[in-house]
Amino acid sequence: MKTPGVDKAPLFPVYSLLSSVTDTYHAFFFVTLKEWKERKSPEEHVQHIIASANRALTSIPEGRAFVFPAAGNPRTAPPGRDIQLETDPVRMSFSG
């Protein structure tokens, strides 16, 4: 993987994670970052990795691609926010 801070990014072809559609022109990746202790530079922080990937993906003229953080992950909560999971795993509350 060429992106600093990224450990692996397996491809899941022919499926849209957003619309649950199976066809030949959708795909998605689950990107796994390296451990916190290995990501020391600002270029390896999740916000920078997402912004950098989104900039690169806009240059693909044949389609639309974008990166977004996984919901419910405290490490990717918006700055200044905490995510607290309730007993009902479907509902989340935000504080901060």
Protein backbone atom coordinates (compact mmCIF):
# COMPACT_ATOMS: atom_id res chain seq x y z
CA MET A 1 0.00 0.00 0.00
CA LYS A 2 1.45 3.35 -1.07
CA THR A 3 -0.49 5.57 1.34
CA PRO A 4 1.45 6.28 4.56
CA GLY A 5 -0.42 4.98 7.60
CA VAL A 6 -2.53 2.43 5.70
CA ASP A 7 -2.00 -1.24 6.53
CA LYS A 8 -4.34 -2.91 4.04
CA ALA A 9 -7.38 -2.20 1.88
CA PRO A 10 -9.13 -5.29 0.52
CA LEU A 11 -11.44 -4.74 -2.47
CA PHE A 12 -15.06 -5.91 -2.45
CA PRO A 13 -16.12 -5.74 -6.12
CA VAL A 14 -19.65 -5.73 -7.59
CA TYR A 15 -21.40 -4.51 -4.42
CA SER A 16 -22.53 -1.07 -3.26
CA LEU A 17 -22.21 -0.68 0.48
CA LEU A 18 -24.40 2.43 0.40
CA SER A 19 -27.33 1.06 -1.60
CA SER A 20 -26.91 -2.74 -1.13
CA VAL A 21 -26.94 -3.18 -4.91
CA THR A 22 -25.00 -5.93 -6.62
CA ASP A 23 -23.85 -5.09 -10.15
CA THR A 24 -20.71 -4.81 -12.28
CA TYR A 25 -19.95 -1.13 -11.67
CA HIS A 26 -19.85 -0.85 -7.87
CA ALA A 27 -17.11 -1.75 -5.40
CA PHE A 28 -15.86 -0.76 -1.97
CA PHE A 29 -12.80 -1.09 0.24
CA PHE A 30 -12.46 -1.45 3.98
CA VAL A 31 -9.22 0.34 4.79
CA THR A 32 -7.29 -0.80 7.85
CA LEU A 33 -4.84 1.70 9.28
CA LYS A 34 -1.56 0.81 10.91
CA GLU A 35 -1.44 0.81 14.72
CA TRP A 36 -1.45 4.22 16.44
CA LYS A 37 2.12 3.71 17.68
CA GLU A 38 3.31 3.25 14.07
CA ARG A 39 1.57 6.41 12.74
CA LYS A 40 3.64 9.29 14.10
CA SER A 41 3.60 11.88 11.29
CA PRO A 42 0.64 14.18 10.51
CA GLU A 43 0.36 12.55 7.06
CA GLU A 44 -0.56 9.29 8.79
CA HIS A 45 -3.50 10.68 10.81
CA VAL A 46 -6.93 9.51 9.69
CA GLN A 47 -8.16 12.99 8.71
CA HIS A 48 -5.16 13.51 6.43
CA ILE A 49 -5.46 10.03 4.90
CA ILE A 50 -9.15 10.60 4.10
CA ALA A 51 -8.54 14.07 2.63
CA SER A 52 -5.60 12.84 0.56
CA ALA A 53 -7.53 9.84 -0.78
CA ASN A 54 -10.55 11.98 -1.66
CA ARG A 55 -8.31 14.43 -3.57
CA ALA A 56 -6.81 11.55 -5.54
CA LEU A 57 -10.19 9.95 -6.24
CA THR A 58 -11.61 13.13 -7.76
CA SER A 59 -9.16 12.71 -10.64
CA ILE A 60 -10.91 9.54 -11.85
CA PRO A 61 -13.06 10.71 -14.80
CA GLU A 62 -14.81 7.37 -15.35
CA GLY A 63 -16.77 7.37 -12.10
CA ARG A 64 -17.40 8.78 -8.68
CA ALA A 65 -15.43 7.57 -5.66
CA PHE A 66 -15.04 8.91 -2.14
CA VAL A 67 -13.76 8.00 1.31
CA PHE A 68 -15.64 8.37 4.58
CA PRO A 69 -14.88 7.11 8.11
CA ALA A 70 -16.76 4.21 9.61
CA ALA A 71 -19.70 5.30 11.75
CA GLY A 72 -19.55 4.61 15.44
CA ASN A 73 -15.78 4.49 15.69
CA PRO A 74 -14.58 6.75 18.52
CA ARG A 75 -11.24 7.25 16.77
CA THR A 76 -12.95 8.83 13.76
CA ALA A 77 -15.45 10.98 15.66
CA PRO A 78 -15.56 14.61 14.53
CA PRO A 79 -13.02 16.78 16.40
CA GLY A 80 -14.36 17.87 19.77
CA ARG A 81 -16.98 15.13 19.84
CA ASP A 82 -17.25 11.85 21.69
CA ILE A 83 -19.32 8.95 20.47
CA GLN A 84 -21.12 6.91 23.10
CA LEU A 85 -22.88 3.72 22.10
CA GLU A 86 -26.11 3.03 23.96
CA THR A 87 -27.46 -0.38 24.91
CA ASP A 88 -29.39 -0.37 21.64
CA PRO A 89 -26.57 -0.81 19.07
CA VAL A 90 -28.63 0.81 16.32
CA ARG A 91 -28.91 4.16 18.14
CA MET A 92 -25.97 6.41 18.97
CA SER A 93 -25.76 9.62 20.95
CA PHE A 94 -23.18 12.34 20.46
CA SER A 95 -21.80 14.48 23.24
CA GLY A 96 -19.10 17.07 23.44
